[in-house]
PDB file of all heavy atoms in Angstrom:
ATOM      1  N   PRO A   1       0.794  -1.226   0.000  1.00  0.00           N
ATOM      2  CA  PRO A   1       0.000   0.000   0.000  1.00  0.00           C
ATOM      3  C   PRO A   1       0.831   1.282   0.000  1.00  0.00           C
ATOM      4  O   PRO A   1       0.280   2.363  -0.049  1.00  0.00           O
ATOM      5  CB  PRO A   1      -0.765  -0.109   1.317  1.00  0.00           C
ATOM      6  CG  PRO A   1       0.225  -0.754   2.243  1.00  0.00           C
ATOM      7  CD  PRO A   1       1.006  -1.729   1.375  1.00  0.00           C
ATOM      8  N   ASP A   2       2.192   1.179   0.051  1.00  0.00           N
ATOM      9  CA  ASP A   2       2.999   2.382   0.220  1.00  0.00           C
ATOM     10  C   ASP A   2       3.177   3.106  -1.118  1.00  0.00           C
ATOM     11  O   ASP A   2       3.860   2.611  -2.019  1.00  0.00           O
ATOM     12  CB  ASP A   2       4.369   2.030   0.803  1.00  0.00           C
ATOM     13  CG  ASP A   2       5.118   3.259   1.275  1.00  0.00           C
ATOM     14  OD1 ASP A   2       5.488   4.074   0.411  1.00  0.00           O
ATOM     15  OD2 ASP A   2       5.328   3.418   2.485  1.00  0.00           O
ATOM     16  N   GLU A   3       2.570   4.273  -1.231  1.00  0.00           N
ATOM     17  CA  GLU A   3       2.630   5.036  -2.477  1.00  0.00           C
ATOM     18  C   GLU A   3       4.054   5.416  -2.842  1.00  0.00           C
ATOM     19  O   GLU A   3       4.450   5.344  -4.013  1.00  0.00           O
ATOM     20  CB  GLU A   3       1.773   6.299  -2.341  1.00  0.00           C
ATOM     21  CG  GLU A   3       1.790   7.175  -3.581  1.00  0.00           C
ATOM     22  CD  GLU A   3       1.032   8.481  -3.393  1.00  0.00           C
ATOM     23  OE1 GLU A   3       0.840   8.900  -2.229  1.00  0.00           O
ATOM     24  OE2 GLU A   3       0.651   9.079  -4.415  1.00  0.00           O
ATOM     25  N   TYR A   4       4.839   5.815  -1.840  1.00  0.00           N
ATOM     26  CA  TYR A   4       6.184   6.294  -2.136  1.00  0.00           C
ATOM     27  C   TYR A   4       7.116   5.145  -2.512  1.00  0.00           C
ATOM     28  O   TYR A   4       7.974   5.283  -3.386  1.00  0.00           O
ATOM     29  CB  TYR A   4       6.741   7.079  -0.961  1.00  0.00           C
ATOM     30  CG  TYR A   4       5.958   8.337  -0.657  1.00  0.00           C
ATOM     31  CD1 TYR A   4       5.767   8.771   0.655  1.00  0.00           C
ATOM     32  CD2 TYR A   4       5.393   9.089  -1.682  1.00  0.00           C
ATOM     33  CE1 TYR A   4       5.049   9.933   0.927  1.00  0.00           C
ATOM     34  CE2 TYR A   4       4.671  10.246  -1.416  1.00  0.00           C
ATOM     35  CZ  TYR A   4       4.513  10.658  -0.104  1.00  0.00           C
ATOM     36  OH  TYR A   4       3.800  11.805   0.163  1.00  0.00           O
ATOM     37  N   LEU A   5       6.972   4.002  -1.850  1.00  0.00           N
ATOM     38  CA  LEU A   5       7.754   2.836  -2.254  1.00  0.00           C
ATOM     39  C   LEU A   5       7.408   2.459  -3.696  1.00  0.00           C
ATOM     40  O   LEU A   5       8.304   2.153  -4.496  1.00  0.00           O
ATOM     41  CB  LEU A   5       7.496   1.661  -1.319  1.00  0.00           C
ATOM     42  CG  LEU A   5       8.183   0.341  -1.710  1.00  0.00           C
ATOM     43  CD1 LEU A   5       9.703   0.485  -1.679  1.00  0.00           C
ATOM     44  CD2 LEU A   5       7.732  -0.803  -0.803  1.00  0.00           C
ATOM     45  N   ALA A   6       6.117   2.482  -4.017  1.00  0.00           N
ATOM     46  CA  ALA A   6       5.693   2.146  -5.379  1.00  0.00           C
ATOM     47  C   ALA A   6       6.299   3.108  -6.397  1.00  0.00           C
ATOM     48  O   ALA A   6       6.757   2.700  -7.474  1.00  0.00           O
ATOM     49  CB  ALA A   6       4.167   2.167  -5.474  1.00  0.00           C
ATOM     50  N   LYS A   7       6.330   4.401  -6.076  1.00  0.00           N
ATOM     51  CA  LYS A   7       6.913   5.383  -6.994  1.00  0.00           C
ATOM     52  C   LYS A   7       8.413   5.158  -7.154  1.00  0.00           C
ATOM     53  O   LYS A   7       8.963   5.318  -8.253  1.00  0.00           O
ATOM     54  CB  LYS A   7       6.629   6.801  -6.484  1.00  0.00           C
ATOM     55  CG  LYS A   7       5.180   7.232  -6.658  1.00  0.00           C
ATOM     56  CD  LYS A   7       4.967   8.686  -6.255  1.00  0.00           C
ATOM     57  CE  LYS A   7       3.542   9.130  -6.557  1.00  0.00           C
ATOM     58  NZ  LYS A   7       3.309  10.546  -6.226  1.00  0.00           N
ATOM     59  N   TYR A   8       9.068   4.785  -6.063  1.00  0.00           N
ATOM     60  CA  TYR A   8      10.498   4.493  -6.149  1.00  0.00           C
ATOM     61  C   TYR A   8      10.737   3.267  -7.023  1.00  0.00           C
ATOM     62  O   TYR A   8      11.630   3.273  -7.890  1.00  0.00           O
ATOM     63  CB  TYR A   8      11.078   4.270  -4.750  1.00  0.00           C
ATOM     64  CG  TYR A   8      12.536   3.880  -4.780  1.00  0.00           C
ATOM     65  CD1 TYR A   8      13.518   4.809  -5.090  1.00  0.00           C
ATOM     66  CD2 TYR A   8      12.919   2.557  -4.530  1.00  0.00           C
ATOM     67  CE1 TYR A   8      14.864   4.446  -5.128  1.00  0.00           C
ATOM     68  CE2 TYR A   8      14.256   2.182  -4.564  1.00  0.00           C
ATOM     69  CZ  TYR A   8      15.220   3.139  -4.874  1.00  0.00           C
ATOM     70  OH  TYR A   8      16.540   2.766  -4.921  1.00  0.00           O
ATOM     71  N   VAL A   9       9.956   2.215  -6.819  1.00  0.00           N
ATOM     72  CA  VAL A   9      10.093   1.003  -7.632  1.00  0.00           C
ATOM     73  C   VAL A   9       9.894   1.334  -9.105  1.00  0.00           C
ATOM     74  O   VAL A   9      10.600   0.815  -9.980  1.00  0.00           O
ATOM     75  CB  VAL A   9       9.097  -0.082  -7.165  1.00  0.00           C
ATOM     76  CG1 VAL A   9       9.050  -1.249  -8.144  1.00  0.00           C
ATOM     77  CG2 VAL A   9       9.460  -0.583  -5.769  1.00  0.00           C
ATOM     78  N   ALA A  10       8.938   2.223  -9.394  1.00  0.00           N
ATOM     79  CA  ALA A  10       8.654   2.597 -10.787  1.00  0.00           C
ATOM     80  C   ALA A  10       9.863   3.218 -11.474  1.00  0.00           C
ATOM     81  O   ALA A  10      10.004   3.123 -12.703  1.00  0.00           O
ATOM     82  CB  ALA A  10       7.461   3.542 -10.842  1.00  0.00           C
ATOM     83  N   THR A  11      10.748   3.844 -10.687  1.00  0.00           N
ATOM     84  CA  THR A  11      11.955   4.444 -11.279  1.00  0.00           C
ATOM     85  C   THR A  11      13.041   3.407 -11.546  1.00  0.00           C
ATOM     86  O   THR A  11      14.033   3.715 -12.211  1.00  0.00           O
ATOM     87  CB  THR A  11      12.544   5.542 -10.357  1.00  0.00           C
ATOM     88  OG1 THR A  11      13.065   4.928  -9.155  1.00  0.00           O
ATOM     89  CG2 THR A  11      11.494   6.583  -9.995  1.00  0.00           C
ATOM     90  N   GLN A  12      12.848   2.199 -11.022  1.00  0.00           N
ATOM     91  CA  GLN A  12      13.870   1.161 -11.135  1.00  0.00           C
ATOM     92  C   GLN A  12      13.492   0.038 -12.100  1.00  0.00           C
ATOM     93  O   GLN A  12      14.243  -0.924 -12.247  1.00  0.00           O
ATOM     94  CB  GLN A  12      14.131   0.550  -9.745  1.00  0.00           C
ATOM     95  CG  GLN A  12      14.432   1.549  -8.642  1.00  0.00           C
ATOM     96  CD  GLN A  12      15.717   2.306  -8.884  1.00  0.00           C
ATOM     97  OE1 GLN A  12      16.765   1.698  -9.095  1.00  0.00           O
ATOM     98  NE2 GLN A  12      15.648   3.632  -8.847  1.00  0.00           N
ATOM     99  N   THR A  13      12.332   0.126 -12.740  1.00  0.00           N
ATOM    100  CA  THR A  13      11.860  -0.955 -13.604  1.00  0.00           C
ATOM    101  C   THR A  13      11.037  -0.385 -14.754  1.00  0.00           C
ATOM    102  O   THR A  13      10.529   0.742 -14.670  1.00  0.00           O
ATOM    103  CB  THR A  13      11.003  -1.956 -12.797  1.00  0.00           C
ATOM    104  OG1 THR A  13      10.562  -3.020 -13.660  1.00  0.00           O
ATOM    105  CG2 THR A  13       9.789  -1.289 -12.180  1.00  0.00           C
ATOM    106  N   ASP A  14      10.902  -1.183 -15.813  1.00  0.00           N
ATOM    107  CA  ASP A  14      10.052  -0.798 -16.943  1.00  0.00           C
ATOM    108  C   ASP A  14       8.609  -1.244 -16.749  1.00  0.00           C
ATOM    109  O   ASP A  14       7.737  -0.900 -17.547  1.00  0.00           O
ATOM    110  CB  ASP A  14      10.599  -1.420 -18.246  1.00  0.00           C
ATOM    111  CG  ASP A  14      11.933  -0.821 -18.654  1.00  0.00           C
ATOM    112  OD1 ASP A  14      12.174   0.365 -18.341  1.00  0.00           O
ATOM    113  OD2 ASP A  14      12.742  -1.543 -19.271  1.00  0.00           O
ATOM    114  N   VAL A  15       8.342  -2.000 -15.695  1.00  0.00           N
ATOM    115  CA  VAL A  15       6.979  -2.446 -15.407  1.00  0.00           C
ATOM    116  C   VAL A  15       6.139  -1.248 -14.956  1.00  0.00           C
ATOM    117  O   VAL A  15       6.602  -0.424 -14.157  1.00  0.00           O
ATOM    118  CB  VAL A  15       6.982  -3.533 -14.316  1.00  0.00           C
ATOM    119  CG1 VAL A  15       5.553  -3.975 -13.979  1.00  0.00           C
ATOM    120  CG2 VAL A  15       7.817  -4.733 -14.752  1.00  0.00           C
ATOM    121  N   LYS A  16       4.912  -1.146 -15.461  1.00  0.00           N
ATOM    122  CA  LYS A  16       4.001  -0.090 -15.021  1.00  0.00           C
ATOM    123  C   LYS A  16       3.513  -0.420 -13.609  1.00  0.00           C
ATOM    124  O   LYS A  16       2.988  -1.506 -13.367  1.00  0.00           O
ATOM    125  CB  LYS A  16       2.818   0.046 -15.967  1.00  0.00           C
ATOM    126  CG  LYS A  16       1.844   1.150 -15.571  1.00  0.00           C
ATOM    127  CD  LYS A  16       0.671   1.237 -16.532  1.00  0.00           C
ATOM    128  CE  LYS A  16      -0.312   2.325 -16.107  1.00  0.00           C
ATOM    129  NZ  LYS A  16      -1.480   2.391 -17.032  1.00  0.00           N
ATOM    130  N   ILE A  17       3.689   0.512 -12.695  1.00  0.00           N
ATOM    131  CA  ILE A  17       3.336   0.275 -11.294  1.00  0.00           C
ATOM    132  C   ILE A  17       2.073   1.047 -10.934  1.00  0.00           C
ATOM    133  O   ILE A  17       2.013   2.276 -11.074  1.00  0.00           O
ATOM    134  CB  ILE A  17       4.478   0.707 -10.348  1.00  0.00           C
ATOM    135  CG1 ILE A  17       5.791   0.012 -10.718  1.00  0.00           C
ATOM    136  CG2 ILE A  17       4.105   0.433  -8.896  1.00  0.00           C
ATOM    137  CD1 ILE A  17       5.778  -1.489 -10.570  1.00  0.00           C
ATOM    138  N   LEU A  18       1.076   0.321 -10.474  1.00  0.00           N
ATOM    139  CA  LEU A  18      -0.137   0.939  -9.934  1.00  0.00           C
ATOM    140  C   LEU A  18      -0.010   0.945  -8.415  1.00  0.00           C
ATOM    141  O   LEU A  18       0.442  -0.039  -7.821  1.00  0.00           O
ATOM    142  CB  LEU A  18      -1.383   0.155 -10.361  1.00  0.00           C
ATOM    143  CG  LEU A  18      -1.576  -0.041 -11.867  1.00  0.00           C
ATOM    144  CD1 LEU A  18      -2.816  -0.882 -12.138  1.00  0.00           C
ATOM    145  CD2 LEU A  18      -1.675   1.305 -12.573  1.00  0.00           C
ATOM    146  N   SER A  19      -0.421   2.040  -7.778  1.00  0.00           N
ATOM    147  CA  SER A  19      -0.152   2.176  -6.343  1.00  0.00           C
ATOM    148  C   SER A  19      -1.408   2.485  -5.546  1.00  0.00           C
ATOM    149  O   SER A  19      -2.505   2.652  -6.093  1.00  0.00           O
ATOM    150  CB  SER A  19       0.891   3.284  -6.112  1.00  0.00           C
ATOM    151  OG  SER A  19       0.397   4.534  -6.552  1.00  0.00           O
ATOM    152  N   TRP A  20      -1.234   2.565  -4.249  1.00  0.00           N
ATOM    153  CA  TRP A  20      -2.257   2.894  -3.264  1.00  0.00           C
ATOM    154  C   TRP A  20      -1.715   4.070  -2.463  1.00  0.00           C
ATOM    155  O   TRP A  20      -0.501   4.244  -2.357  1.00  0.00           O
ATOM    156  CB  TRP A  20      -2.494   1.684  -2.363  1.00  0.00           C
ATOM    157  CG  TRP A  20      -3.552   1.825  -1.307  1.00  0.00           C
ATOM    158  CD1 TRP A  20      -3.370   2.098   0.014  1.00  0.00           C
ATOM    159  CD2 TRP A  20      -4.955   1.636  -1.479  1.00  0.00           C
ATOM    160  NE1 TRP A  20      -4.557   2.103   0.680  1.00  0.00           N
ATOM    161  CE2 TRP A  20      -5.561   1.832  -0.210  1.00  0.00           C
ATOM    162  CE3 TRP A  20      -5.769   1.338  -2.574  1.00  0.00           C
ATOM    163  CZ2 TRP A  20      -6.943   1.725  -0.019  1.00  0.00           C
ATOM    164  CZ3 TRP A  20      -7.140   1.233  -2.372  1.00  0.00           C
ATOM    165  CH2 TRP A  20      -7.712   1.426  -1.117  1.00  0.00           C
ATOM    166  N   LYS A  21      -2.577   4.874  -1.867  1.00  0.00           N
ATOM    167  CA  LYS A  21      -2.093   6.073  -1.172  1.00  0.00           C
ATOM    168  C   LYS A  21      -1.863   5.840   0.320  1.00  0.00           C
ATOM    169  O   LYS A  21      -2.332   6.590   1.162  1.00  0.00           O
ATOM    170  CB  LYS A  21      -3.065   7.241  -1.394  1.00  0.00           C
ATOM    171  CG  LYS A  21      -2.961   7.841  -2.790  1.00  0.00           C
ATOM    172  CD  LYS A  21      -3.649   9.176  -2.870  1.00  0.00           C
ATOM    173  CE  LYS A  21      -3.456   9.835  -4.234  1.00  0.00           C
ATOM    174  NZ  LYS A  21      -2.059  10.189  -4.483  1.00  0.00           N
ATOM    175  N   GLY A  22      -1.125   4.801   0.627  1.00  0.00           N
ATOM    176  CA  GLY A  22      -0.717   4.575   2.009  1.00  0.00           C
ATOM    177  C   GLY A  22       0.652   5.179   2.267  1.00  0.00           C
ATOM    178  O   GLY A  22       1.495   5.213   1.368  1.00  0.00           O
ATOM    179  N   HIS A  23       0.864   5.676   3.489  1.00  0.00           N
ATOM    180  CA  HIS A  23       2.143   6.301   3.835  1.00  0.00           C
ATOM    181  C   HIS A  23       2.554   5.914   5.248  1.00  0.00           C
ATOM    182  O   HIS A  23       1.707   5.669   6.104  1.00  0.00           O
ATOM    183  CB  HIS A  23       2.051   7.838   3.758  1.00  0.00           C
ATOM    184  CG  HIS A  23       1.647   8.363   2.426  1.00  0.00           C
ATOM    185  ND1 HIS A  23       0.697   9.345   2.266  1.00  0.00           N
ATOM    186  CD2 HIS A  23       2.055   8.040   1.176  1.00  0.00           C
ATOM    187  CE1 HIS A  23       0.546   9.611   0.985  1.00  0.00           C
ATOM    188  NE2 HIS A  23       1.352   8.823   0.294  1.00  0.00           N
ATOM    189  N   CYS A  24       3.855   5.903   5.470  1.00  0.00           N
ATOM    190  CA  CYS A  24       4.407   5.774   6.821  1.00  0.00           C
ATOM    191  C   CYS A  24       4.448   7.159   7.440  1.00  0.00           C
ATOM    192  O   CYS A  24       5.022   8.087   6.856  1.00  0.00           O
ATOM    193  CB  CYS A  24       5.809   5.170   6.760  1.00  0.00           C
ATOM    194  SG  CYS A  24       6.739   5.355   8.300  1.00  0.00           S
ATOM    195  N   GLU A  25       3.864   7.321   8.612  1.00  0.00           N
ATOM    196  CA  GLU A  25       3.783   8.649   9.226  1.00  0.00           C
ATOM    197  C   GLU A  25       5.141   9.203   9.644  1.00  0.00           C
ATOM    198  O   GLU A  25       5.274  10.409   9.858  1.00  0.00           O
ATOM    199  CB  GLU A  25       2.839   8.632  10.416  1.00  0.00           C
ATOM    200  CG  GLU A  25       3.288   7.772  11.586  1.00  0.00           C
ATOM    201  CD  GLU A  25       2.228   7.690  12.668  1.00  0.00           C
ATOM    202  OE1 GLU A  25       2.132   8.625  13.475  1.00  0.00           O
ATOM    203  OE2 GLU A  25       1.495   6.673  12.687  1.00  0.00           O
ATOM    204  N   VAL A  26       6.140   8.350   9.773  1.00  0.00           N
ATOM    205  CA  VAL A  26       7.489   8.832  10.070  1.00  0.00           C
ATOM    206  C   VAL A  26       8.157   9.338   8.802  1.00  0.00           C
ATOM    207  O   VAL A  26       8.614  10.484   8.722  1.00  0.00           O
ATOM    208  CB  VAL A  26       8.351   7.722  10.708  1.00  0.00           C
ATOM    209  CG1 VAL A  26       9.802   8.172  10.830  1.00  0.00           C
ATOM    210  CG2 VAL A  26       7.806   7.352  12.081  1.00  0.00           C
ATOM    211  N   HIS A  27       8.202   8.514   7.766  1.00  0.00           N
ATOM    212  CA  HIS A  27       8.943   8.867   6.558  1.00  0.00           C
ATOM    213  C   HIS A  27       8.280   9.997   5.762  1.00  0.00           C
ATOM    214  O   HIS A  27       8.975  10.777   5.111  1.00  0.00           O
ATOM    215  CB  HIS A  27       9.116   7.627   5.678  1.00  0.00           C
ATOM    216  CG  HIS A  27      10.007   6.595   6.291  1.00  0.00           C
ATOM    217  ND1 HIS A  27       9.521   5.462   6.897  1.00  0.00           N
ATOM    218  CD2 HIS A  27      11.356   6.537   6.417  1.00  0.00           C
ATOM    219  CE1 HIS A  27      10.528   4.744   7.347  1.00  0.00           C
ATOM    220  NE2 HIS A  27      11.657   5.371   7.083  1.00  0.00           N
ATOM    221  N   GLU A  28       6.963  10.087   5.806  1.00  0.00           N
ATOM    222  CA  GLU A  28       6.306  11.119   5.004  1.00  0.00           C
ATOM    223  C   GLU A  28       6.501  12.527   5.571  1.00  0.00           C
ATOM    224  O   GLU A  28       6.249  13.510   4.887  1.00  0.00           O
ATOM    225  CB  GLU A  28       4.808  10.827   4.861  1.00  0.00           C
ATOM    226  CG  GLU A  28       3.989  11.023   6.119  1.00  0.00           C
ATOM    227  CD  GLU A  28       2.489  10.850   5.876  1.00  0.00           C
ATOM    228  OE1 GLU A  28       2.070  10.883   4.705  1.00  0.00           O
ATOM    229  OE2 GLU A  28       1.756  10.676   6.865  1.00  0.00           O
ATOM    230  N   ARG A  29       6.989  12.627   6.815  1.00  0.00           N
ATOM    231  CA  ARG A  29       7.178  13.951   7.417  1.00  0.00           C
ATOM    232  C   ARG A  29       8.441  14.653   6.931  1.00  0.00           C
ATOM    233  O   ARG A  29       8.582  15.857   7.086  1.00  0.00           O
ATOM    234  CB  ARG A  29       7.227  13.835   8.952  1.00  0.00           C
ATOM    235  CG  ARG A  29       5.898  13.473   9.584  1.00  0.00           C
ATOM    236  CD  ARG A  29       5.850  13.912  11.049  1.00  0.00           C
ATOM    237  NE  ARG A  29       6.878  13.309  11.861  1.00  0.00           N
ATOM    238  CZ  ARG A  29       6.718  12.210  12.601  1.00  0.00           C
ATOM    239  NH1 ARG A  29       5.565  11.571  12.572  1.00  0.00           N
ATOM    240  NH2 ARG A  29       7.702  11.741  13.341  1.00  0.00           N
ATOM    241  N   PHE A  30       9.379  13.911   6.370  1.00  0.00           N
ATOM    242  CA  PHE A  30      10.611  14.528   5.890  1.00  0.00           C
ATOM    243  C   PHE A  30      10.341  15.343   4.623  1.00  0.00           C
ATOM    244  O   PHE A  30       9.491  14.972   3.799  1.00  0.00           O
ATOM    245  CB  PHE A  30      11.666  13.459   5.575  1.00  0.00           C
ATOM    246  CG  PHE A  30      12.196  12.754   6.790  1.00  0.00           C
ATOM    247  CD1 PHE A  30      11.713  11.504   7.155  1.00  0.00           C
ATOM    248  CD2 PHE A  30      13.182  13.333   7.571  1.00  0.00           C
ATOM    249  CE1 PHE A  30      12.201  10.839   8.271  1.00  0.00           C
ATOM    250  CE2 PHE A  30      13.684  12.679   8.694  1.00  0.00           C
ATOM    251  CZ  PHE A  30      13.196  11.431   9.044  1.00  0.00           C
ATOM    252  N   THR A  31      11.067  16.438   4.464  1.00  0.00           N
ATOM    253  CA  THR A  31      10.941  17.264   3.267  1.00  0.00           C
ATOM    254  C   THR A  31      12.317  17.501   2.650  1.00  0.00           C
ATOM    255  O   THR A  31      13.342  17.469   3.342  1.00  0.00           O
ATOM    256  CB  THR A  31      10.311  18.626   3.583  1.00  0.00           C
ATOM    257  OG1 THR A  31      11.225  19.393   4.389  1.00  0.00           O
ATOM    258  CG2 THR A  31       8.983  18.470   4.321  1.00  0.00           C
ATOM    259  N   ALA A  32      12.309  17.787   1.350  1.00  0.00           N
ATOM    260  CA  ALA A  32      13.564  18.071   0.658  1.00  0.00           C
ATOM    261  C   ALA A  32      14.202  19.350   1.190  1.00  0.00           C
ATOM    262  O   ALA A  32      15.427  19.412   1.379  1.00  0.00           O
ATOM    263  CB  ALA A  32      13.311  18.176  -0.847  1.00  0.00           C
ATOM    264  N   ASP A  33      13.390  20.371   1.439  1.00  0.00           N
ATOM    265  CA  ASP A  33      13.932  21.640   1.945  1.00  0.00           C
ATOM    266  C   ASP A  33      14.640  21.445   3.275  1.00  0.00           C
ATOM    267  O   ASP A  33      15.711  22.018   3.530  1.00  0.00           O
ATOM    268  CB  ASP A  33      12.815  22.671   2.097  1.00  0.00           C
ATOM    269  CG  ASP A  33      12.305  23.183   0.761  1.00  0.00           C
ATOM    270  OD1 ASP A  33      13.008  22.976  -0.255  1.00  0.00           O
ATOM    271  OD2 ASP A  33      11.215  23.778   0.729  1.00  0.00           O
ATOM    272  N   GLU A  34      14.050  20.630   4.145  1.00  0.00           N
ATOM    273  CA  GLU A  34      14.652  20.341   5.449  1.00  0.00           C
ATOM    274  C   GLU A  34      16.021  19.690   5.283  1.00  0.00           C
ATOM    275  O   GLU A  34      17.005  20.084   5.920  1.00  0.00           O
ATOM    276  CB  GLU A  34      13.709  19.418   6.227  1.00  0.00           C
ATOM    277  CG  GLU A  34      14.275  18.804   7.491  1.00  0.00           C
ATOM    278  CD  GLU A  34      13.401  17.684   8.032  1.00  0.00           C
ATOM    279  OE1 GLU A  34      12.535  17.177   7.299  1.00  0.00           O
ATOM    280  OE2 GLU A  34      13.609  17.314   9.197  1.00  0.00           O
ATOM    281  N   LEU A  35      16.104  18.722   4.391  1.00  0.00           N
ATOM    282  CA  LEU A  35      17.353  17.998   4.210  1.00  0.00           C
ATOM    283  C   LEU A  35      18.423  18.867   3.543  1.00  0.00           C
ATOM    284  O   LEU A  35      19.606  18.780   3.892  1.00  0.00           O
ATOM    285  CB  LEU A  35      17.109  16.729   3.395  1.00  0.00           C
ATOM    286  CG  LEU A  35      16.129  15.731   4.041  1.00  0.00           C
ATOM    287  CD1 LEU A  35      15.951  14.509   3.159  1.00  0.00           C
ATOM    288  CD2 LEU A  35      16.586  15.324   5.430  1.00  0.00           C
ATOM    289  N   LEU A  36      18.006  19.691   2.596  1.00  0.00           N
ATOM    290  CA  LEU A  36      18.967  20.600   1.963  1.00  0.00           C
ATOM    291  C   LEU A  36      19.518  21.599   2.972  1.00  0.00           C
ATOM    292  O   LEU A  36      20.696  21.981   2.904  1.00  0.00           O
ATOM    293  CB  LEU A  36      18.299  21.319   0.792  1.00  0.00           C
ATOM    294  CG  LEU A  36      18.003  20.432  -0.436  1.00  0.00           C
ATOM    295  CD1 LEU A  36      17.161  21.193  -1.453  1.00  0.00           C
ATOM    296  CD2 LEU A  36      19.291  19.919  -1.069  1.00  0.00           C
ATOM    297  N   ALA A  37      18.689  22.009   3.914  1.00  0.00           N
ATOM    298  CA  ALA A  37      19.154  22.922   4.964  1.00  0.00           C
ATOM    299  C   ALA A  37      20.194  22.233   5.843  1.00  0.00           C
ATOM    300  O   ALA A  37      21.201  22.844   6.241  1.00  0.00           O
ATOM    301  CB  ALA A  37      17.974  23.405   5.804  1.00  0.00           C
ATOM    302  N   TYR A  38      19.977  20.957   6.152  1.00  0.00           N
ATOM    303  CA  TYR A  38      20.971  20.201   6.915  1.00  0.00           C
ATOM    304  C   TYR A  38      22.280  20.096   6.140  1.00  0.00           C
ATOM    305  O   TYR A  38      23.368  20.208   6.712  1.00  0.00           O
ATOM    306  CB  TYR A  38      20.450  18.795   7.227  1.00  0.00           C
ATOM    307  CG  TYR A  38      19.577  18.711   8.454  1.00  0.00           C
ATOM    308  CD1 TYR A  38      18.209  18.487   8.347  1.00  0.00           C
ATOM    309  CD2 TYR A  38      20.125  18.840   9.730  1.00  0.00           C
ATOM    310  CE1 TYR A  38      17.404  18.399   9.467  1.00  0.00           C
ATOM    311  CE2 TYR A  38      19.327  18.752  10.864  1.00  0.00           C
ATOM    312  CZ  TYR A  38      17.968  18.539  10.728  1.00  0.00           C
ATOM    313  OH  TYR A  38      17.171  18.463  11.836  1.00  0.00           O
TER     314      TYR A  38
END
């Protein structure tokens, strides 16, 4: 059910990936801006 894992897998294969909008509440809180600031 992890939407972000599915999107990552889609970048690693030619198979068309259909996903679900499930998220981990820990991992989804991170942002690119936050990490670039670090």
